[in-house]
Full PDB file with SEQRES, HELIX, SHEET, SSBOND, CRYST1, ORIGX, SCALE, CONECT and MASTER records, all heavy atoms in Angstrom:
SEQRES   1 A   46  HIS THR GLY GLY SER LEU ARG LEU SER CYS THR ALA SER          
SEQRES   2 A   46  GLY ILE THR PHE ASN GLY ARG THR ILE GLY TRP HIS ARG          
SEQRES   3 A   46  GLN ALA PRO GLY LYS GLN ARG GLU PHE VAL ALA LEU ILE          
SEQRES   4 A   46  SER PRO PHE GLY THR THR ASN                                  
SHEET    1 AA1 2 ILE A  22  ARG A  26  0                                        
SHEET    2 AA1 2 GLU A  34  ILE A  39 -1                                        
CRYST1    1.000    1.000    1.000  90.00  90.00  90.00 P 1           1          
ORIGX1      1.000000  0.000000  0.000000        0.00000                         
ORIGX2      0.000000  1.000000  0.000000        0.00000                         
ORIGX3      0.000000  0.000000  1.000000        0.00000                         
SCALE1      1.000000  0.000000  0.000000        0.00000                         
SCALE2      0.000000  1.000000  0.000000        0.00000                         
SCALE3      0.000000  0.000000  1.000000        0.00000                         
ATOM      1  N   HIS A   1       0.835  -1.187   0.000  1.00  0.00           N  
ATOM      2  CA  HIS A   1       0.000   0.000   0.000  1.00  0.00           C  
ATOM      3  C   HIS A   1       0.879   1.249   0.000  1.00  0.00           C  
ATOM      4  O   HIS A   1       2.073   1.196   0.338  1.00  0.00           O  
ATOM      5  CB  HIS A   1      -0.904   0.020   1.231  1.00  0.00           C  
ATOM      6  CG  HIS A   1      -1.935  -1.056   1.219  1.00  0.00           C  
ATOM      7  ND1 HIS A   1      -2.943  -1.117   0.279  1.00  0.00           N  
ATOM      8  CD2 HIS A   1      -2.129  -2.110   2.041  1.00  0.00           C  
ATOM      9  CE1 HIS A   1      -3.708  -2.175   0.519  1.00  0.00           C  
ATOM     10  NE2 HIS A   1      -3.220  -2.801   1.590  1.00  0.00           N  
ATOM     11  N   THR A   2       0.292   2.345  -0.360  1.00  0.00           N  
ATOM     12  CA  THR A   2       0.999   3.626  -0.299  1.00  0.00           C  
ATOM     13  C   THR A   2       1.585   3.832   1.095  1.00  0.00           C  
ATOM     14  O   THR A   2       0.901   3.599   2.098  1.00  0.00           O  
ATOM     15  CB  THR A   2       0.050   4.781  -0.623  1.00  0.00           C  
ATOM     16  OG1 THR A   2      -0.421   4.623  -1.970  1.00  0.00           O  
ATOM     17  CG2 THR A   2       0.753   6.119  -0.513  1.00  0.00           C  
ATOM     18  N   GLY A   3       2.843   4.233   1.125  1.00  0.00           N  
ATOM     19  CA  GLY A   3       3.531   4.425   2.393  1.00  0.00           C  
ATOM     20  C   GLY A   3       4.298   3.211   2.880  1.00  0.00           C  
ATOM     21  O   GLY A   3       5.049   3.296   3.862  1.00  0.00           O  
ATOM     22  N   GLY A   4       4.118   2.106   2.211  1.00  0.00           N  
ATOM     23  CA  GLY A   4       4.786   0.873   2.604  1.00  0.00           C  
ATOM     24  C   GLY A   4       6.245   0.825   2.179  1.00  0.00           C  
ATOM     25  O   GLY A   4       6.762   1.761   1.557  1.00  0.00           O  
ATOM     26  N   SER A   5       6.864  -0.290   2.507  1.00  0.00           N  
ATOM     27  CA  SER A   5       8.294  -0.469   2.222  1.00  0.00           C  
ATOM     28  C   SER A   5       8.550  -1.825   1.577  1.00  0.00           C  
ATOM     29  O   SER A   5       7.816  -2.790   1.819  1.00  0.00           O  
ATOM     30  CB  SER A   5       9.121  -0.381   3.507  1.00  0.00           C  
ATOM     31  OG  SER A   5       9.004   0.889   4.115  1.00  0.00           O  
ATOM     32  N   LEU A   6       9.601  -1.866   0.791  1.00  0.00           N  
ATOM     33  CA  LEU A   6      10.095  -3.114   0.212  1.00  0.00           C  
ATOM     34  C   LEU A   6      11.607  -3.030   0.143  1.00  0.00           C  
ATOM     35  O   LEU A   6      12.178  -1.934   0.028  1.00  0.00           O  
ATOM     36  CB  LEU A   6       9.541  -3.339  -1.199  1.00  0.00           C  
ATOM     37  CG  LEU A   6       8.090  -3.778  -1.342  1.00  0.00           C  
ATOM     38  CD1 LEU A   6       7.690  -3.737  -2.820  1.00  0.00           C  
ATOM     39  CD2 LEU A   6       7.875  -5.162  -0.774  1.00  0.00           C  
ATOM     40  N   ARG A   7      12.238  -4.186   0.151  1.00  0.00           N  
ATOM     41  CA  ARG A   7      13.681  -4.259  -0.035  1.00  0.00           C  
ATOM     42  C   ARG A   7      13.979  -5.192  -1.192  1.00  0.00           C  
ATOM     43  O   ARG A   7      13.670  -6.387  -1.136  1.00  0.00           O  
ATOM     44  CB  ARG A   7      14.370  -4.777   1.233  1.00  0.00           C  
ATOM     45  CG  ARG A   7      15.892  -4.706   1.169  1.00  0.00           C  
ATOM     46  CD  ARG A   7      16.504  -5.546   2.267  1.00  0.00           C  
ATOM     47  NE  ARG A   7      17.917  -5.275   2.476  1.00  0.00           N  
ATOM     48  CZ  ARG A   7      18.762  -6.135   3.029  1.00  0.00           C  
ATOM     49  NH1 ARG A   7      18.326  -7.316   3.439  1.00  0.00           N  
ATOM     50  NH2 ARG A   7      20.030  -5.821   3.192  1.00  0.00           N  
ATOM     51  N   LEU A   8      14.565  -4.634  -2.226  1.00  0.00           N  
ATOM     52  CA  LEU A   8      14.925  -5.414  -3.400  1.00  0.00           C  
ATOM     53  C   LEU A   8      16.371  -5.887  -3.297  1.00  0.00           C  
ATOM     54  O   LEU A   8      17.214  -5.211  -2.708  1.00  0.00           O  
ATOM     55  CB  LEU A   8      14.765  -4.577  -4.669  1.00  0.00           C  
ATOM     56  CG  LEU A   8      13.409  -3.908  -4.889  1.00  0.00           C  
ATOM     57  CD1 LEU A   8      13.404  -3.200  -6.249  1.00  0.00           C  
ATOM     58  CD2 LEU A   8      12.278  -4.892  -4.785  1.00  0.00           C  
ATOM     59  N   SER A   9      16.627  -7.049  -3.890  1.00  0.00           N  
ATOM     60  CA  SER A   9      17.980  -7.600  -3.922  1.00  0.00           C  
ATOM     61  C   SER A   9      18.373  -7.915  -5.358  1.00  0.00           C  
ATOM     62  O   SER A   9      17.522  -8.277  -6.175  1.00  0.00           O  
ATOM     63  CB  SER A   9      18.064  -8.883  -3.093  1.00  0.00           C  
ATOM     64  OG  SER A   9      17.755  -8.641  -1.740  1.00  0.00           O  
ATOM     65  N   CYS A  10      19.650  -7.778  -5.620  1.00  0.00           N  
ATOM     66  CA  CYS A  10      20.179  -8.081  -6.948  1.00  0.00           C  
ATOM     67  C   CYS A  10      21.444  -8.899  -6.791  1.00  0.00           C  
ATOM     68  O   CYS A  10      22.383  -8.475  -6.111  1.00  0.00           O  
ATOM     69  CB  CYS A  10      20.467  -6.787  -7.691  1.00  0.00           C  
ATOM     70  SG  CYS A  10      21.413  -7.010  -9.215  1.00  0.00           S  
ATOM     71  N   THR A  11      21.439 -10.050  -7.401  1.00  0.00           N  
ATOM     72  CA  THR A  11      22.628 -10.884  -7.432  1.00  0.00           C  
ATOM     73  C   THR A  11      22.938 -11.230  -8.887  1.00  0.00           C  
ATOM     74  O   THR A  11      22.128 -10.978  -9.778  1.00  0.00           O  
ATOM     75  CB  THR A  11      22.443 -12.181  -6.625  1.00  0.00           C  
ATOM     76  OG1 THR A  11      21.342 -12.907  -7.191  1.00  0.00           O  
ATOM     77  CG2 THR A  11      22.150 -11.884  -5.173  1.00  0.00           C  
ATOM     78  N   ALA A  12      24.101 -11.819  -9.092  1.00  0.00           N  
ATOM     79  CA  ALA A  12      24.490 -12.175 -10.452  1.00  0.00           C  
ATOM     80  C   ALA A  12      25.236 -13.483 -10.471  1.00  0.00           C  
ATOM     81  O   ALA A  12      25.943 -13.827  -9.522  1.00  0.00           O  
ATOM     82  CB  ALA A  12      25.357 -11.084 -11.057  1.00  0.00           C  
ATOM     83  N   SER A  13      25.080 -14.193 -11.534  1.00  0.00           N  
ATOM     84  CA  SER A  13      25.897 -15.382 -11.784  1.00  0.00           C  
ATOM     85  C   SER A  13      26.747 -15.116 -13.013  1.00  0.00           C  
ATOM     86  O   SER A  13      26.339 -14.387 -13.921  1.00  0.00           O  
ATOM     87  CB  SER A  13      25.012 -16.614 -12.005  1.00  0.00           C  
ATOM     88  OG  SER A  13      24.163 -16.422 -13.120  1.00  0.00           O  
ATOM     89  N   GLY A  14      27.934 -15.632 -12.995  1.00  0.00           N  
ATOM     90  CA  GLY A  14      28.821 -15.439 -14.132  1.00  0.00           C  
ATOM     91  C   GLY A  14      29.758 -14.260 -13.982  1.00  0.00           C  
ATOM     92  O   GLY A  14      30.721 -14.144 -14.748  1.00  0.00           O  
ATOM     93  N   ILE A  15      29.456 -13.366 -13.073  1.00  0.00           N  
ATOM     94  CA  ILE A  15      30.326 -12.222 -12.799  1.00  0.00           C  
ATOM     95  C   ILE A  15      30.242 -11.893 -11.322  1.00  0.00           C  
ATOM     96  O   ILE A  15      29.390 -12.405 -10.601  1.00  0.00           O  
ATOM     97  CB  ILE A  15      29.921 -10.952 -13.592  1.00  0.00           C  
ATOM     98  CG1 ILE A  15      28.507 -10.506 -13.195  1.00  0.00           C  
ATOM     99  CG2 ILE A  15      30.056 -11.165 -15.085  1.00  0.00           C  
ATOM    100  CD1 ILE A  15      28.195  -9.095 -13.599  1.00  0.00           C  
ATOM    101  N   THR A  16      31.115 -11.021 -10.896  1.00  0.00           N  
ATOM    102  CA  THR A  16      31.023 -10.469  -9.555  1.00  0.00           C  
ATOM    103  C   THR A  16      30.759  -8.979  -9.668  1.00  0.00           C  
ATOM    104  O   THR A  16      31.177  -8.333 -10.634  1.00  0.00           O  
ATOM    105  CB  THR A  16      32.322 -10.711  -8.768  1.00  0.00           C  
ATOM    106  OG1 THR A  16      32.222 -10.050  -7.506  1.00  0.00           O  
ATOM    107  CG2 THR A  16      33.526 -10.172  -9.524  1.00  0.00           C  
ATOM    108  N   PHE A  17      30.036  -8.451  -8.704  1.00  0.00           N  
ATOM    109  CA  PHE A  17      29.777  -7.022  -8.698  1.00  0.00           C  
ATOM    110  C   PHE A  17      30.963  -6.230  -8.168  1.00  0.00           C  
ATOM    111  O   PHE A  17      31.009  -5.010  -8.319  1.00  0.00           O  
ATOM    112  CB  PHE A  17      28.561  -6.705  -7.845  1.00  0.00           C  
ATOM    113  CG  PHE A  17      27.247  -7.079  -8.476  1.00  0.00           C  
ATOM    114  CD1 PHE A  17      26.139  -7.321  -7.693  1.00  0.00           C  
ATOM    115  CD2 PHE A  17      27.117  -7.196  -9.850  1.00  0.00           C  
ATOM    116  CE1 PHE A  17      24.922  -7.659  -8.266  1.00  0.00           C  
ATOM    117  CE2 PHE A  17      25.914  -7.537 -10.438  1.00  0.00           C  
ATOM    118  CZ  PHE A  17      24.808  -7.772  -9.637  1.00  0.00           C  
ATOM    119  N   ASN A  18      31.880  -6.914  -7.532  1.00  0.00           N  
ATOM    120  CA  ASN A  18      33.009  -6.218  -6.929  1.00  0.00           C  
ATOM    121  C   ASN A  18      33.779  -5.436  -7.993  1.00  0.00           C  
ATOM    122  O   ASN A  18      34.102  -5.959  -9.059  1.00  0.00           O  
ATOM    123  CB  ASN A  18      33.939  -7.212  -6.244  1.00  0.00           C  
ATOM    124  CG  ASN A  18      33.257  -7.880  -5.067  1.00  0.00           C  
ATOM    125  OD1 ASN A  18      32.249  -7.399  -4.577  1.00  0.00           O  
ATOM    126  ND2 ASN A  18      33.794  -9.001  -4.631  1.00  0.00           N  
ATOM    127  N   GLY A  19      34.032  -4.176  -7.699  1.00  0.00           N  
ATOM    128  CA  GLY A  19      34.739  -3.316  -8.631  1.00  0.00           C  
ATOM    129  C   GLY A  19      33.852  -2.657  -9.670  1.00  0.00           C  
ATOM    130  O   GLY A  19      34.337  -1.877 -10.488  1.00  0.00           O  
ATOM    131  N   ARG A  20      32.565  -2.943  -9.649  1.00  0.00           N  
ATOM    132  CA  ARG A  20      31.635  -2.360 -10.628  1.00  0.00           C  
ATOM    133  C   ARG A  20      30.656  -1.401  -9.956  1.00  0.00           C  
ATOM    134  O   ARG A  20      30.209  -1.648  -8.839  1.00  0.00           O  
ATOM    135  CB  ARG A  20      30.812  -3.456 -11.315  1.00  0.00           C  
ATOM    136  CG  ARG A  20      31.605  -4.437 -12.153  1.00  0.00           C  
ATOM    137  CD  ARG A  20      30.666  -5.514 -12.701  1.00  0.00           C  
ATOM    138  NE  ARG A  20      31.388  -6.550 -13.415  1.00  0.00           N  
ATOM    139  CZ  ARG A  20      31.569  -6.564 -14.712  1.00  0.00           C  
ATOM    140  NH1 ARG A  20      31.075  -5.587 -15.458  1.00  0.00           N  
ATOM    141  NH2 ARG A  20      32.230  -7.543 -15.279  1.00  0.00           N  
ATOM    142  N   THR A  21      30.324  -0.340 -10.659  1.00  0.00           N  
ATOM    143  CA  THR A  21      29.201   0.488 -10.247  1.00  0.00           C  
ATOM    144  C   THR A  21      27.928  -0.198 -10.728  1.00  0.00           C  
ATOM    145  O   THR A  21      27.815  -0.551 -11.909  1.00  0.00           O  
ATOM    146  CB  THR A  21      29.296   1.891 -10.851  1.00  0.00           C  
ATOM    147  OG1 THR A  21      30.445   2.555 -10.307  1.00  0.00           O  
ATOM    148  CG2 THR A  21      28.055   2.709 -10.541  1.00  0.00           C  
ATOM    149  N   ILE A  22      26.997  -0.383  -9.808  1.00  0.00           N  
ATOM    150  CA  ILE A  22      25.754  -1.087 -10.128  1.00  0.00           C  
ATOM    151  C   ILE A  22      24.580  -0.160  -9.815  1.00  0.00           C  
ATOM    152  O   ILE A  22      24.589   0.568  -8.818  1.00  0.00           O  
ATOM    153  CB  ILE A  22      25.609  -2.380  -9.328  1.00  0.00           C  
ATOM    154  CG1 ILE A  22      26.745  -3.344  -9.683  1.00  0.00           C  
ATOM    155  CG2 ILE A  22      24.254  -3.043  -9.609  1.00  0.00           C  
ATOM    156  CD1 ILE A  22      26.742  -3.816 -11.133  1.00  0.00           C  
ATOM    157  N   GLY A  23      23.609  -0.201 -10.669  1.00  0.00           N  
ATOM    158  CA  GLY A  23      22.458   0.661 -10.485  1.00  0.00           C  
ATOM    159  C   GLY A  23      21.152  -0.105 -10.508  1.00  0.00           C  
ATOM    160  O   GLY A  23      21.100  -1.273 -10.900  1.00  0.00           O  
ATOM    161  N   TRP A  24      20.122   0.574 -10.049  1.00  0.00           N  
ATOM    162  CA  TRP A  24      18.755   0.092 -10.190  1.00  0.00           C  
ATOM    163  C   TRP A  24      18.050   0.977 -11.213  1.00  0.00           C  
ATOM    164  O   TRP A  24      18.237   2.204 -11.227  1.00  0.00           O  
ATOM    165  CB  TRP A  24      18.017   0.134  -8.858  1.00  0.00           C  
ATOM    166  CG  TRP A  24      18.391  -0.973  -7.928  1.00  0.00           C  
ATOM    167  CD1 TRP A  24      19.321  -0.945  -6.934  1.00  0.00           C  
ATOM    168  CD2 TRP A  24      17.838  -2.298  -7.911  1.00  0.00           C  
ATOM    169  NE1 TRP A  24      19.384  -2.155  -6.303  1.00  0.00           N  
ATOM    170  CE2 TRP A  24      18.482  -3.005  -6.870  1.00  0.00           C  
ATOM    171  CE3 TRP A  24      16.863  -2.964  -8.655  1.00  0.00           C  
ATOM    172  CZ2 TRP A  24      18.191  -4.337  -6.563  1.00  0.00           C  
ATOM    173  CZ3 TRP A  24      16.573  -4.271  -8.353  1.00  0.00           C  
ATOM    174  CH2 TRP A  24      17.227  -4.961  -7.318  1.00  0.00           C  
ATOM    175  N   HIS A  25      17.232   0.334 -12.018  1.00  0.00           N  
ATOM    176  CA  HIS A  25      16.441   1.008 -13.032  1.00  0.00           C  
ATOM    177  C   HIS A  25      15.010   0.505 -12.881  1.00  0.00           C  
ATOM    178  O   HIS A  25      14.780  -0.540 -12.278  1.00  0.00           O  
ATOM    179  CB  HIS A  25      16.958   0.668 -14.429  1.00  0.00           C  
ATOM    180  CG  HIS A  25      18.447   0.799 -14.585  1.00  0.00           C  
ATOM    181  ND1 HIS A  25      19.024   1.848 -15.251  1.00  0.00           N  
ATOM    182  CD2 HIS A  25      19.465   0.012 -14.157  1.00  0.00           C  
ATOM    183  CE1 HIS A  25      20.335   1.694 -15.236  1.00  0.00           C  
ATOM    184  NE2 HIS A  25      20.638   0.601 -14.573  1.00  0.00           N  
ATOM    185  N   ARG A  26      14.078   1.227 -13.462  1.00  0.00           N  
ATOM    186  CA  ARG A  26      12.705   0.736 -13.420  1.00  0.00           C  
ATOM    187  C   ARG A  26      11.977   1.117 -14.694  1.00  0.00           C  
ATOM    188  O   ARG A  26      12.336   2.086 -15.372  1.00  0.00           O  
ATOM    189  CB  ARG A  26      11.961   1.298 -12.212  1.00  0.00           C  
ATOM    190  CG  ARG A  26      11.727   2.799 -12.234  1.00  0.00           C  
ATOM    191  CD  ARG A  26      11.122   3.266 -10.916  1.00  0.00           C  
ATOM    192  NE  ARG A  26      10.855   4.693 -10.909  1.00  0.00           N  
ATOM    193  CZ  ARG A  26      10.443   5.372  -9.845  1.00  0.00           C  
ATOM    194  NH1 ARG A  26      10.243   4.733  -8.678  1.00  0.00           N  
ATOM    195  NH2 ARG A  26      10.224   6.664  -9.918  1.00  0.00           N  
ATOM    196  N   GLN A  27      10.970   0.328 -14.991  1.00  0.00           N  
ATOM    197  CA  GLN A  27      10.147   0.593 -16.175  1.00  0.00           C  
ATOM    198  C   GLN A  27       8.691   0.420 -15.811  1.00  0.00           C  
ATOM    199  O   GLN A  27       8.254  -0.680 -15.450  1.00  0.00           O  
ATOM    200  CB  GLN A  27      10.523  -0.336 -17.320  1.00  0.00           C  
ATOM    201  CG  GLN A  27       9.826  -0.002 -18.620  1.00  0.00           C  
ATOM    202  CD  GLN A  27      10.433  -0.719 -19.807  1.00  0.00           C  
ATOM    203  OE1 GLN A  27      11.124  -1.720 -19.681  1.00  0.00           O  
ATOM    204  NE2 GLN A  27      10.168  -0.196 -21.000  1.00  0.00           N  
ATOM    205  N   ALA A  28       7.975   1.511 -15.892  1.00  0.00           N  
ATOM    206  CA  ALA A  28       6.546   1.494 -15.639  1.00  0.00           C  
ATOM    207  C   ALA A  28       5.810   1.164 -16.926  1.00  0.00           C  
ATOM    208  O   ALA A  28       6.345   1.371 -18.024  1.00  0.00           O  
ATOM    209  CB  ALA A  28       6.091   2.843 -15.096  1.00  0.00           C  
ATOM    210  N   PRO A  29       4.583   0.669 -16.828  1.00  0.00           N  
ATOM    211  CA  PRO A  29       3.823   0.329 -18.038  1.00  0.00           C  
ATOM    212  C   PRO A  29       3.707   1.522 -18.982  1.00  0.00           C  
ATOM    213  O   PRO A  29       3.349   2.626 -18.564  1.00  0.00           O  
ATOM    214  CB  PRO A  29       2.456  -0.067 -17.476  1.00  0.00           C  
ATOM    215  CG  PRO A  29       2.730  -0.531 -16.093  1.00  0.00           C  
ATOM    216  CD  PRO A  29       3.851   0.337 -15.597  1.00  0.00           C  
ATOM    217  N   GLY A  30       4.053   1.293 -20.229  1.00  0.00           N  
ATOM    218  CA  GLY A  30       3.926   2.330 -21.235  1.00  0.00           C  
ATOM    219  C   GLY A  30       4.995   3.393 -21.197  1.00  0.00           C  
ATOM    220  O   GLY A  30       4.920   4.383 -21.938  1.00  0.00           O  
ATOM    221  N   LYS A  31       5.990   3.214 -20.350  1.00  0.00           N  
ATOM    222  CA  LYS A  31       7.054   4.213 -20.228  1.00  0.00           C  
ATOM    223  C   LYS A  31       8.416   3.583 -20.496  1.00  0.00           C  
ATOM    224  O   LYS A  31       8.564   2.369 -20.465  1.00  0.00           O  
ATOM    225  CB  LYS A  31       7.047   4.833 -18.837  1.00  0.00           C  
ATOM    226  CG  LYS A  31       5.797   5.633 -18.527  1.00  0.00           C  
ATOM    227  CD  LYS A  31       5.926   6.356 -17.194  1.00  0.00           C  
ATOM    228  CE  LYS A  31       4.714   7.210 -16.911  1.00  0.00           C  
ATOM    229  NZ  LYS A  31       4.839   7.937 -15.624  1.00  0.00           N  
ATOM    230  N   GLN A  32       9.386   4.446 -20.764  1.00  0.00           N  
ATOM    231  CA  GLN A  32      10.742   3.952 -20.972  1.00  0.00           C  
ATOM    232  C   GLN A  32      11.391   3.607 -19.640  1.00  0.00           C  
ATOM    233  O   GLN A  32      11.012   4.127 -18.586  1.00  0.00           O  
ATOM    234  CB  GLN A  32      11.572   5.014 -21.696  1.00  0.00           C  
ATOM    235  CG  GLN A  32      11.171   5.216 -23.151  1.00  0.00           C  
ATOM    236  CD  GLN A  32      12.181   6.069 -23.916  1.00  0.00           C  
ATOM    237  OE1 GLN A  32      12.863   6.906 -23.328  1.00  0.00           O  
ATOM    238  NE2 GLN A  32      12.276   5.852 -25.205  1.00  0.00           N  
ATOM    239  N   ARG A  33      12.376   2.730 -19.721  1.00  0.00           N  
ATOM    240  CA  ARG A  33      13.141   2.394 -18.537  1.00  0.00           C  
ATOM    241  C   ARG A  33      13.882   3.637 -18.043  1.00  0.00           C  
ATOM    242  O   ARG A  33      14.412   4.404 -18.849  1.00  0.00           O  
ATOM    243  CB  ARG A  33      14.128   1.287 -18.862  1.00  0.00           C  
ATOM    244  CG  ARG A  33      14.839   0.672 -17.672  1.00  0.00           C  
ATOM    245  CD  ARG A  33      15.674  -0.518 -18.139  1.00  0.00           C  
ATOM    246  NE  ARG A  33      14.834  -1.639 -18.519  1.00  0.00           N  
ATOM    247  CZ  ARG A  33      15.219  -2.588 -19.359  1.00  0.00           C  
ATOM    248  NH1 ARG A  33      16.413  -2.527 -19.910  1.00  0.00           N  
ATOM    249  NH2 ARG A  33      14.419  -3.589 -19.633  1.00  0.00           N  
ATOM    250  N   GLU A  34      13.904   3.840 -16.726  1.00  0.00           N  
ATOM    251  CA  GLU A  34      14.550   5.021 -16.178  1.00  0.00           C  
ATOM    252  C   GLU A  34      15.478   4.652 -15.033  1.00  0.00           C  
ATOM    253  O   GLU A  34      15.302   3.639 -14.354  1.00  0.00           O  
ATOM    254  CB  GLU A  34      13.503   6.030 -15.674  1.00  0.00           C  
ATOM    255  CG  GLU A  34      12.666   5.539 -14.507  1.00  0.00           C  
ATOM    256  CD  GLU A  34      11.709   6.607 -13.989  1.00  0.00           C  
ATOM    257  OE1 GLU A  34      11.658   7.721 -14.543  1.00  0.00           O  
ATOM    258  OE2 GLU A  34      11.005   6.318 -12.990  1.00  0.00           O  
ATOM    259  N   PHE A  35      16.450   5.514 -14.838  1.00  0.00           N  
ATOM    260  CA  PHE A  35      17.424   5.348 -13.759  1.00  0.00           C  
ATOM    261  C   PHE A  35      16.779   5.618 -12.413  1.00  0.00           C  
ATOM    262  O   PHE A  35      15.973   6.543 -12.276  1.00  0.00           O  
ATOM    263  CB  PHE A  35      18.585   6.319 -13.985  1.00  0.00           C  
ATOM    264  CG  PHE A  35      19.472   6.524 -12.793  1.00  0.00           C  
ATOM    265  CD1 PHE A  35      20.414   5.576 -12.451  1.00  0.00           C  
ATOM    266  CD2 PHE A  35      19.359   7.673 -12.016  1.00  0.00           C  
ATOM    267  CE1 PHE A  35      21.233   5.770 -11.355  1.00  0.00           C  
ATOM    268  CE2 PHE A  35      20.167   7.880 -10.920  1.00  0.00           C  
ATOM    269  CZ  PHE A  35      21.108   6.923 -10.586  1.00  0.00           C  
ATOM    270  N   VAL A  36      17.153   4.818 -11.416  1.00  0.00           N  
ATOM    271  CA  VAL A  36      16.644   5.009 -10.062  1.00  0.00           C  
ATOM    272  C   VAL A  36      17.769   5.374  -9.096  1.00  0.00           C  
ATOM    273  O   VAL A  36      17.704   6.369  -8.388  1.00  0.00           O  
ATOM    274  CB  VAL A  36      15.919   3.744  -9.556  1.00  0.00           C  
ATOM    275  CG1 VAL A  36      15.496   3.918  -8.102  1.00  0.00           C  
ATOM    276  CG2 VAL A  36      14.714   3.430 -10.436  1.00  0.00           C  
ATOM    277  N   ALA A  37      18.812   4.547  -9.067  1.00  0.00           N  
ATOM    278  CA  ALA A  37      19.900   4.773  -8.113  1.00  0.00           C  
ATOM    279  C   ALA A  37      21.114   3.985  -8.563  1.00  0.00           C  
ATOM    280  O   ALA A  37      21.007   3.029  -9.334  1.00  0.00           O  
ATOM    281  CB  ALA A  37      19.489   4.335  -6.712  1.00  0.00           C  
ATOM    282  N   LEU A  38      22.281   4.409  -8.079  1.00  0.00           N  
ATOM    283  CA  LEU A  38      23.496   3.657  -8.345  1.00  0.00           C  
ATOM    284  C   LEU A  38      24.423   3.717  -7.139  1.00  0.00           C  
ATOM    285  O   LEU A  38      24.308   4.608  -6.298  1.00  0.00           O  
ATOM    286  CB  LEU A  38      24.204   4.149  -9.598  1.00  0.00           C  
ATOM    287  CG  LEU A  38      24.758   5.584  -9.637  1.00  0.00           C  
ATOM    288  CD1 LEU A  38      26.089   5.709  -8.908  1.00  0.00           C  
ATOM    289  CD2 LEU A  38      24.947   6.023 -11.085  1.00  0.00           C  
ATOM    290  N   ILE A  39      25.328   2.753  -7.096  1.00  0.00           N  
ATOM    291  CA  ILE A  39      26.332   2.730  -6.044  1.00  0.00           C  
ATOM    292  C   ILE A  39      27.664   2.303  -6.649  1.00  0.00           C  
ATOM    293  O   ILE A  39      27.729   1.337  -7.406  1.00  0.00           O  
ATOM    294  CB  ILE A  39      25.908   1.799  -4.874  1.00  0.00           C  
ATOM    295  CG1 ILE A  39      26.899   1.899  -3.724  1.00  0.00           C  
ATOM    296  CG2 ILE A  39      25.702   0.368  -5.343  1.00  0.00           C  
ATOM    297  CD1 ILE A  39      26.371   1.294  -2.425  1.00  0.00           C  
ATOM    298  N   SER A  40      28.702   3.064  -6.318  1.00  0.00           N  
ATOM    299  CA  SER A  40      30.030   2.764  -6.836  1.00  0.00           C  
ATOM    300  C   SER A  40      30.698   1.689  -5.976  1.00  0.00           C  
ATOM    301  O   SER A  40      30.220   1.370  -4.891  1.00  0.00           O  
ATOM    302  CB  SER A  40      30.886   4.029  -6.838  1.00  0.00           C  
ATOM    303  OG  SER A  40      31.351   4.296  -5.515  1.00  0.00           O  
ATOM    304  N   PRO A  41      31.829   1.175  -6.448  1.00  0.00           N  
ATOM    305  CA  PRO A  41      32.554   0.192  -5.627  1.00  0.00           C  
ATOM    306  C   PRO A  41      32.999   0.771  -4.281  1.00  0.00           C  
ATOM    307  O   PRO A  41      33.245   0.015  -3.335  1.00  0.00           O  
ATOM    308  CB  PRO A  41      33.758  -0.169  -6.490  1.00  0.00           C  
ATOM    309  CG  PRO A  41      33.335   0.133  -7.879  1.00  0.00           C  
ATOM    310  CD  PRO A  41      32.423   1.327  -7.769  1.00  0.00           C  
ATOM    311  N   PHE A  42      33.106   2.093  -4.208  1.00  0.00           N  
ATOM    312  CA  PHE A  42      33.564   2.740  -2.984  1.00  0.00           C  
ATOM    313  C   PHE A  42      32.402   3.182  -2.101  1.00  0.00           C  
ATOM    314  O   PHE A  42      32.610   3.781  -1.050  1.00  0.00           O  
ATOM    315  CB  PHE A  42      34.439   3.945  -3.341  1.00  0.00           C  
ATOM    316  CG  PHE A  42      35.501   3.609  -4.342  1.00  0.00           C  
ATOM    317  CD1 PHE A  42      35.385   4.017  -5.655  1.00  0.00           C  
ATOM    318  CD2 PHE A  42      36.610   2.864  -3.967  1.00  0.00           C  
ATOM    319  CE1 PHE A  42      36.367   3.698  -6.594  1.00  0.00           C  
ATOM    320  CE2 PHE A  42      37.598   2.542  -4.887  1.00  0.00           C  
ATOM    321  CZ  PHE A  42      37.471   2.949  -6.196  1.00  0.00           C  
ATOM    322  N   GLY A  43      31.185   2.902  -2.548  1.00  0.00           N  
ATOM    323  CA  GLY A  43      30.027   3.243  -1.737  1.00  0.00           C  
ATOM    324  C   GLY A  43      29.397   4.575  -2.064  1.00  0.00           C  
ATOM    325  O   GLY A  43      28.435   4.985  -1.414  1.00  0.00           O  
ATOM    326  N   THR A  44      29.920   5.272  -3.046  1.00  0.00           N  
ATOM    327  CA  THR A  44      29.297   6.526  -3.460  1.00  0.00           C  
ATOM    328  C   THR A  44      27.957   6.235  -4.123  1.00  0.00           C  
ATOM    329  O   THR A  44      27.861   5.333  -4.945  1.00  0.00           O  
ATOM    330  CB  THR A  44      30.200   7.269  -4.449  1.00  0.00           C  
ATOM    331  OG1 THR A  44      31.472   7.505  -3.840  1.00  0.00           O  
ATOM    332  CG2 THR A  44      29.578   8.604  -4.843  1.00  0.00           C  
ATOM    333  N   THR A  45      26.951   6.991  -3.747  1.00  0.00           N  
ATOM    334  CA  THR A  45      25.605   6.746  -4.272  1.00  0.00           C  
ATOM    335  C   THR A  45      25.060   7.955  -5.014  1.00  0.00           C  
ATOM    336  O   THR A  45      25.498   9.091  -4.805  1.00  0.00           O  
ATOM    337  CB  THR A  45      24.638   6.378  -3.137  1.00  0.00           C  
ATOM    338  OG1 THR A  45      24.602   7.460  -2.181  1.00  0.00           O  
ATOM    339  CG2 THR A  45      25.081   5.108  -2.424  1.00  0.00           C  
ATOM    340  N   ASN A  46      24.100   7.690  -5.863  1.00  0.00           N  
ATOM    341  CA  ASN A  46      23.407   8.743  -6.598  1.00  0.00           C  
ATOM    342  C   ASN A  46      21.977   8.271  -6.822  1.00  0.00           C  
ATOM    343  O   ASN A  46      21.743   7.070  -7.032  1.00  0.00           O  
ATOM    344  CB  ASN A  46      24.094   9.025  -7.934  1.00  0.00           C  
ATOM    345  CG  ASN A  46      23.593  10.309  -8.559  1.00  0.00           C  
ATOM    346  OD1 ASN A  46      23.073  11.168  -7.870  1.00  0.00           O  
ATOM    347  ND2 ASN A  46      23.768  10.437  -9.858  1.00  0.00           N  
TER     348      ASN A  46                                                      
MASTER        0    0    0    0    2    0    0    6  347    1    0    4          
END                                                                             
């Protein structure tokens, strides 16, 4: 419901995330995929 919370997780097989900047993106119905957030290997976020 509105105001609620969720925690998403992302894992990978075939590679490691270590040393990579990884981001979250989202795509709503009828819209283009958009950037949500990213985190660098050093913990810098945007």
